[in-house]
Amino acid sequence: MKHVVSVSLGSSKRNHLVEIDVLGENFIIERRGTDGDMEAMIRMIRDLDGKVDAFGLGGMDLYIFAGTRRYILRDAMKVASAARITPLVDGSGLKNTLERRVINYLRENTDLLSSREKVLMVCAMDRFGMAQALVESGCQLILGDFIFVLGLPLPLNSLKSLETLARLAVPIVRNFPFKYLYPTGAKQEETTPRHGKYFHGADIIAGDFHFIRRYMPQRLEGKSIITNTVTSDDVELLKERGVKYLVTTTPELKGRSFGTNVMEAMLVAASGKKEELTSDEYNSLLSKINFKPRVELLNK
């Protein structure tokens, strides 16, 4: 039996463990939160290093992307370097393959992307593959990277604009303490409505769920959400606020959709390799497993 652990900077209230069969092999897959304590993450990784088959880095990105450029976040690198034996991935490799496939799946199998939908992408730099696939599907993007990450009233409407500004901003921003860039610990459980005009002006809200949850308005009637990991409580919250469709890019495993870092770690463990896979290798494994996104109608 293989064992995959996502060590997360997020809330321990979201911890979860399942046993599943993947390609004929049994897996224990679990998520362990550290409530915003980065030193606890480092200790946990060191304690489990060499004892599990793969780590997922949860609640923080090791890499962010803009165009062909990949940027490393300083704090995340400190955490990742604690793994010396067991391979550690942050989900970014899978985001650039799986999430493109998800958008293609929605275009071919649903009517969610049937016209030129307006899509609020709360942060495109951590899901650049999804953003590119949405553009290729004819969607009109509102990119919220500067709004939701840095608190600057600077909506962008093209990936080229984001790439240009990222080259100026990211070399500085990548050195910020991670807690200033992303909700961690107890902040992941808080909702403080802001920037409502961007939510209300979109047909679809896409991207990291912790950004969506933290800033979403009280009512989201008729909106569709395309995101990564949600709990059963999150689903009920979205239903109460009037969301029509919920799409999670990773499948539901016993009542919970895990993050892309967990799924990527699982695929690395399944491959038997000790390093991040190539896009072709991820796509090959995804086809063998027949991964499909979760598409759920919450309100008619």
Protein backbone atom coordinates (compact mmCIF):
# COMPACT_ATOMS: atom_id res chain seq x y z
CA MET A 1 0.00 0.00 0.00
CA LYS A 2 1.26 3.45 -0.91
CA HIS A 3 0.94 6.45 1.36
CA VAL A 4 0.56 10.05 0.14
CA VAL A 5 0.47 12.97 2.58
CA SER A 6 -0.43 16.58 1.81
CA VAL A 7 1.26 18.77 4.41
CA SER A 8 -0.71 21.99 4.38
CA LEU A 9 -0.27 25.50 5.74
CA GLY A 10 -4.05 25.63 5.97
CA SER A 11 -6.53 24.88 8.73
CA SER A 12 -6.40 21.50 10.47
CA LYS A 13 -10.22 21.56 10.46
CA ARG A 14 -10.04 20.51 6.81
CA ASN A 15 -8.00 17.36 7.53
CA HIS A 16 -9.17 14.22 5.75
CA LEU A 17 -8.02 10.66 5.05
CA VAL A 18 -9.24 8.11 2.53
CA GLU A 19 -8.18 4.73 1.20
CA ILE A 20 -8.70 4.23 -2.53
CA ASP A 21 -7.64 1.93 -5.34
CA VAL A 22 -5.65 3.52 -8.17
CA LEU A 23 -4.54 1.43 -11.16
CA GLY A 24 -4.96 -1.73 -9.10
CA GLU A 25 -2.91 -0.49 -6.15
CA ASN A 26 -4.16 0.58 -2.72
CA PHE A 27 -3.41 4.11 -1.54
CA ILE A 28 -3.80 5.94 1.75
CA ILE A 29 -4.29 9.60 0.90
CA GLU A 30 -4.40 12.17 3.65
CA ARG A 31 -4.26 15.89 4.23
CA ARG A 32 -2.70 17.34 7.40
CA GLY A 33 -3.10 21.05 8.15
CA THR A 34 -0.79 23.08 10.40
CA ASP A 35 -3.01 26.13 11.04
CA GLY A 36 -0.62 28.59 9.40
CA ASP A 37 2.49 27.31 11.19
CA MET A 38 5.27 27.03 8.62
CA GLU A 39 7.78 25.63 11.12
CA ALA A 40 5.29 22.85 11.95
CA MET A 41 5.14 22.02 8.23
CA ILE A 42 8.90 21.73 8.08
CA ARG A 43 8.99 19.47 11.17
CA MET A 44 6.22 17.25 9.80
CA ILE A 45 7.95 16.83 6.45
CA ARG A 46 11.26 16.00 8.13
CA ASP A 47 9.55 13.44 10.39
CA LEU A 48 7.80 11.70 7.47
CA ASP A 49 10.60 12.03 4.92
CA GLY A 50 11.47 8.59 3.56
CA LYS A 51 8.49 7.01 5.36
CA VAL A 52 5.81 7.94 2.82
CA ASP A 53 5.73 7.63 -0.97
CA ALA A 54 5.05 11.26 -1.91
CA PHE A 55 4.32 14.65 -0.35
CA GLY A 56 1.88 17.24 -1.57
CA LEU A 57 2.65 20.83 -0.58
CA GLY A 58 -0.73 22.19 0.47
CA GLY A 59 -1.98 25.67 1.24
CA MET A 60 0.90 27.31 -0.60
CA ASP A 61 2.42 27.34 -4.07
CA LEU A 62 6.04 26.51 -4.69
CA TYR A 63 5.81 27.90 -8.21
CA ILE A 64 3.65 30.48 -9.95
CA PHE A 65 3.53 30.97 -13.72
CA ALA A 66 3.11 33.76 -16.24
CA GLY A 67 3.52 32.75 -19.86
CA THR A 68 6.67 30.66 -20.20
CA ARG A 69 8.21 31.96 -16.97
CA ARG A 70 8.11 30.06 -13.70
CA TYR A 71 8.76 31.88 -10.44
CA ILE A 72 9.71 30.27 -7.12
CA LEU A 73 8.23 31.63 -3.87
CA ARG A 74 10.86 32.05 -1.16
CA ASP A 75 8.88 30.80 1.85
CA ALA A 76 7.61 27.75 -0.05
CA MET A 77 11.15 26.82 -1.03
CA LYS A 78 12.14 26.79 2.67
CA VAL A 79 9.37 24.28 3.36
CA ALA A 80 9.99 22.12 0.29
CA SER A 81 13.71 21.79 1.05
CA ALA A 82 12.82 19.79 4.19
CA ALA A 83 12.04 16.79 1.94
CA ARG A 84 15.35 15.12 1.13
CA ILE A 85 14.22 11.57 0.24
CA THR A 86 10.48 11.56 -0.51
CA PRO A 87 9.41 13.44 -3.67
CA LEU A 88 7.42 16.63 -2.96
CA VAL A 89 5.13 18.40 -5.45
CA ASP A 90 2.90 21.47 -5.13
CA GLY A 91 0.30 20.61 -7.78
CA SER A 92 1.55 23.09 -10.37
CA GLY A 93 2.60 20.37 -12.81
CA LEU A 94 -0.84 18.79 -12.66
CA LYS A 95 -2.62 22.14 -12.87
CA ASN A 96 -1.04 22.71 -16.27
CA THR A 97 -2.33 19.38 -17.57
CA LEU A 98 -5.41 18.31 -15.60
CA GLU A 99 -7.01 21.75 -15.50
CA ARG A 100 -6.61 22.24 -19.25
CA ARG A 101 -8.32 18.88 -19.68
CA VAL A 102 -11.13 19.98 -17.36
CA ILE A 103 -11.88 23.08 -19.42
CA ASN A 104 -11.85 21.00 -22.60
CA TYR A 105 -14.17 18.48 -20.92
CA LEU A 106 -16.62 21.25 -19.95
CA ARG A 107 -16.59 22.65 -23.46
CA GLU A 108 -17.28 19.26 -25.04
CA ASN A 109 -19.70 17.79 -22.49
CA THR A 110 -21.63 20.69 -20.93
CA ASP A 111 -23.11 24.04 -21.95
CA LEU A 112 -21.18 26.00 -19.29
CA LEU A 113 -18.76 27.36 -21.91
CA SER A 114 -21.16 27.53 -24.84
CA SER A 115 -20.92 31.29 -25.40
CA ARG A 116 -18.49 34.10 -24.60
CA GLU A 117 -18.86 33.82 -20.82
CA LYS A 118 -17.27 36.42 -18.59
CA VAL A 119 -14.94 34.62 -16.19
CA LEU A 120 -13.49 36.12 -13.03
CA MET A 121 -10.18 34.33 -12.52
CA VAL A 122 -9.27 35.21 -8.95
CA CYS A 123 -5.59 34.35 -9.48
CA ALA A 124 -4.32 33.23 -12.87
CA MET A 125 -0.65 32.94 -11.98
CA ASP A 126 -1.27 29.81 -9.91
CA ARG A 127 -3.57 28.28 -12.56
CA PHE A 128 -2.11 29.61 -15.80
CA GLY A 129 -3.03 26.46 -17.71
CA MET A 130 -6.69 26.88 -16.80
CA ALA A 131 -6.60 30.55 -17.74
CA GLN A 132 -5.09 29.77 -21.15
CA ALA A 133 -7.67 27.05 -21.80
CA LEU A 134 -10.51 29.45 -20.90
CA VAL A 135 -9.17 32.00 -23.40
CA GLU A 136 -8.91 29.27 -26.05
CA SER A 137 -12.57 28.43 -25.31
CA GLY A 138 -13.60 31.99 -26.17
CA CYS A 139 -14.19 33.27 -22.63
CA GLN A 140 -13.65 36.88 -21.61
CA LEU A 141 -11.34 36.96 -18.61
CA ILE A 142 -11.16 39.33 -15.69
CA LEU A 143 -7.84 38.55 -14.00
CA GLY A 144 -7.83 39.28 -10.28
CA ASP A 145 -4.21 38.58 -9.38
CA PHE A 146 -3.44 42.14 -8.30
CA ILE A 147 -6.90 42.62 -6.73
CA PHE A 148 -7.11 39.50 -4.58
CA VAL A 149 -3.42 38.78 -3.90
CA LEU A 150 -2.00 42.29 -3.48
CA GLY A 151 -5.15 44.31 -2.74
CA LEU A 152 -4.57 46.66 -5.68
CA PRO A 153 -7.58 47.84 -7.77
CA LEU A 154 -6.03 46.62 -11.01
CA PRO A 155 -8.22 44.21 -12.99
CA LEU A 156 -6.57 42.83 -16.11
CA ASN A 157 -8.27 41.53 -19.22
CA SER A 158 -5.49 39.67 -21.01
CA LEU A 159 -2.85 37.12 -20.14
CA LYS A 160 -0.30 39.21 -22.02
CA SER A 161 -0.91 42.13 -19.66
CA LEU A 162 -0.53 39.81 -16.68
CA GLU A 163 2.71 38.40 -18.06
CA THR A 164 4.15 41.89 -18.60
CA LEU A 165 3.26 43.15 -15.13
CA ALA A 166 4.36 39.89 -13.51
CA ARG A 167 7.88 40.36 -14.86
CA LEU A 168 8.03 43.65 -12.94
CA ALA A 169 6.22 42.67 -9.74
CA VAL A 170 6.97 39.00 -9.05
CA PRO A 171 10.76 39.29 -8.50
CA ILE A 172 9.85 41.50 -5.51
CA VAL A 173 6.60 39.85 -4.41
CA ARG A 174 8.07 36.33 -4.39
CA ASN A 175 10.14 37.35 -1.34
CA PHE A 176 7.13 38.52 0.71
CA PRO A 177 6.11 36.40 3.72
CA PHE A 178 3.56 33.96 2.34
CA LYS A 179 0.86 34.99 4.84
CA TYR A 180 0.66 38.36 3.06
CA LEU A 181 -0.11 36.68 -0.26
CA TYR A 182 -2.61 33.96 0.60
CA PRO A 183 -5.15 33.08 3.32
CA THR A 184 -3.54 30.68 5.80
CA GLY A 185 -4.67 28.93 8.99
CA ALA A 186 -7.86 30.32 10.52
CA LYS A 187 -8.16 32.94 7.75
CA GLN A 188 -9.22 30.13 5.43
CA GLU A 189 -12.42 29.83 7.46
CA GLU A 190 -13.25 33.56 7.26
CA THR A 191 -15.40 35.30 4.66
CA THR A 192 -15.06 39.08 4.32
CA PRO A 193 -17.02 40.21 1.24
CA ARG A 194 -14.97 42.55 -0.96
CA HIS A 195 -14.66 43.44 -4.62
CA GLY A 196 -18.28 42.39 -5.17
CA LYS A 197 -18.58 44.15 -8.53
CA TYR A 198 -16.11 41.70 -10.05
CA PHE A 199 -18.04 38.69 -8.74
CA HIS A 200 -21.39 40.08 -9.84
CA GLY A 201 -20.07 41.06 -13.27
CA ALA A 202 -18.96 37.51 -14.11
CA ASP A 203 -20.88 34.46 -15.27
CA ILE A 204 -18.22 32.11 -13.91
CA ILE A 205 -15.85 32.50 -10.96
CA ALA A 206 -12.72 30.38 -11.37
CA GLY A 207 -9.57 29.67 -9.41
CA ASP A 208 -8.38 28.88 -5.91
CA PHE A 209 -11.27 28.29 -3.53
CA HIS A 210 -9.69 30.02 -0.54
CA PHE A 211 -9.61 33.32 -2.46
CA ILE A 212 -13.19 32.77 -3.63
CA ARG A 213 -14.48 31.91 -0.16
CA ARG A 214 -12.62 34.74 1.58
CA TYR A 215 -14.01 37.54 -0.62
CA MET A 216 -17.27 36.27 -2.17
CA PRO A 217 -20.45 38.33 -1.66
CA GLN A 218 -23.54 37.15 0.21
CA ARG A 219 -25.45 36.25 -2.95
CA LEU A 220 -24.16 34.53 -6.10
CA GLU A 221 -27.41 33.58 -7.85
CA GLY A 222 -26.93 31.74 -11.10
CA LYS A 223 -23.12 31.83 -10.99
CA SER A 224 -20.92 28.84 -11.75
CA ILE A 225 -17.77 28.10 -9.75
CA ILE A 226 -14.76 26.26 -11.22
CA THR A 227 -12.30 25.54 -8.43
CA ASN A 228 -10.03 22.98 -6.82
CA THR A 229 -10.76 21.57 -3.38
CA VAL A 230 -13.95 21.90 -1.35
CA THR A 231 -15.39 20.22 1.73
CA SER A 232 -19.03 19.26 2.25
CA ASP A 233 -19.43 22.45 4.35
CA ASP A 234 -18.07 24.52 1.46
CA VAL A 235 -20.60 22.95 -0.89
CA GLU A 236 -23.45 23.84 1.47
CA LEU A 237 -22.17 27.41 1.75
CA LEU A 238 -22.13 27.81 -2.04
CA LYS A 239 -25.59 26.30 -2.30
CA GLU A 240 -26.94 28.74 0.30
CA ARG A 241 -25.50 31.67 -1.63
CA GLY A 242 -27.28 30.69 -4.82
CA VAL A 243 -24.46 29.18 -6.89
CA LYS A 244 -25.90 27.18 -9.77
CA TYR A 245 -23.05 24.87 -10.82
CA LEU A 246 -19.98 23.74 -8.92
CA VAL A 247 -17.11 22.23 -10.87
CA THR A 248 -14.08 20.84 -9.05
CA THR A 249 -11.07 19.98 -11.14
CA THR A 250 -10.23 16.98 -8.98
CA PRO A 251 -12.75 14.18 -8.42
CA GLU A 252 -14.72 13.64 -5.24
CA LEU A 253 -13.15 11.03 -2.94
CA LYS A 254 -15.55 9.91 -0.21
CA GLY A 255 -17.30 13.25 0.21
CA ARG A 256 -14.31 15.50 -0.39
CA SER A 257 -12.36 16.82 -3.35
CA PHE A 258 -8.65 16.98 -2.55
CA GLY A 259 -6.30 19.62 -3.91
CA THR A 260 -4.22 19.26 -7.05
CA ASN A 261 -1.10 18.88 -4.90
CA VAL A 262 -2.58 15.66 -3.46
CA MET A 263 -3.56 14.31 -6.86
CA GLU A 264 -0.15 15.15 -8.31
CA ALA A 265 1.58 13.43 -5.40
CA MET A 266 -0.64 10.39 -5.94
CA LEU A 267 0.31 10.21 -9.62
CA VAL A 268 4.01 10.56 -8.81
CA ALA A 269 3.70 7.74 -6.27
CA ALA A 270 1.77 5.61 -8.78
CA SER A 271 4.51 6.11 -11.39
CA GLY A 272 7.21 4.90 -9.00
CA LYS A 273 9.40 7.89 -9.88
CA LYS A 274 11.10 10.14 -7.34
CA GLU A 275 10.47 13.43 -9.12
CA GLU A 276 7.84 15.58 -10.80
CA LEU A 277 6.52 14.01 -14.03
CA THR A 278 6.36 15.52 -17.49
CA SER A 279 3.10 16.79 -19.00
CA ASP A 280 2.96 13.73 -21.28
CA GLU A 281 3.41 11.40 -18.29
CA TYR A 282 0.66 13.16 -16.33
CA ASN A 283 -1.69 13.03 -19.31
CA SER A 284 -0.97 9.34 -19.87
CA LEU A 285 -1.76 8.47 -16.23
CA LEU A 286 -4.88 10.66 -16.22
CA SER A 287 -6.16 8.84 -19.30
CA LYS A 288 -5.49 5.43 -17.70
CA ILE A 289 -7.28 6.43 -14.51
CA ASN A 290 -10.07 8.12 -16.50
CA PHE A 291 -10.15 11.18 -14.26
CA LYS A 292 -13.19 13.37 -14.78
CA PRO A 293 -14.09 16.63 -13.06
CA ARG A 294 -16.93 16.78 -10.57
CA VAL A 295 -19.82 18.78 -12.06
CA GLU A 296 -22.65 19.35 -9.58
CA LEU A 297 -25.91 21.27 -9.99
CA LEU A 298 -26.46 23.06 -6.67
CA ASN A 299 -29.48 25.21 -7.54
CA LYS A 300 -31.88 24.94 -10.48
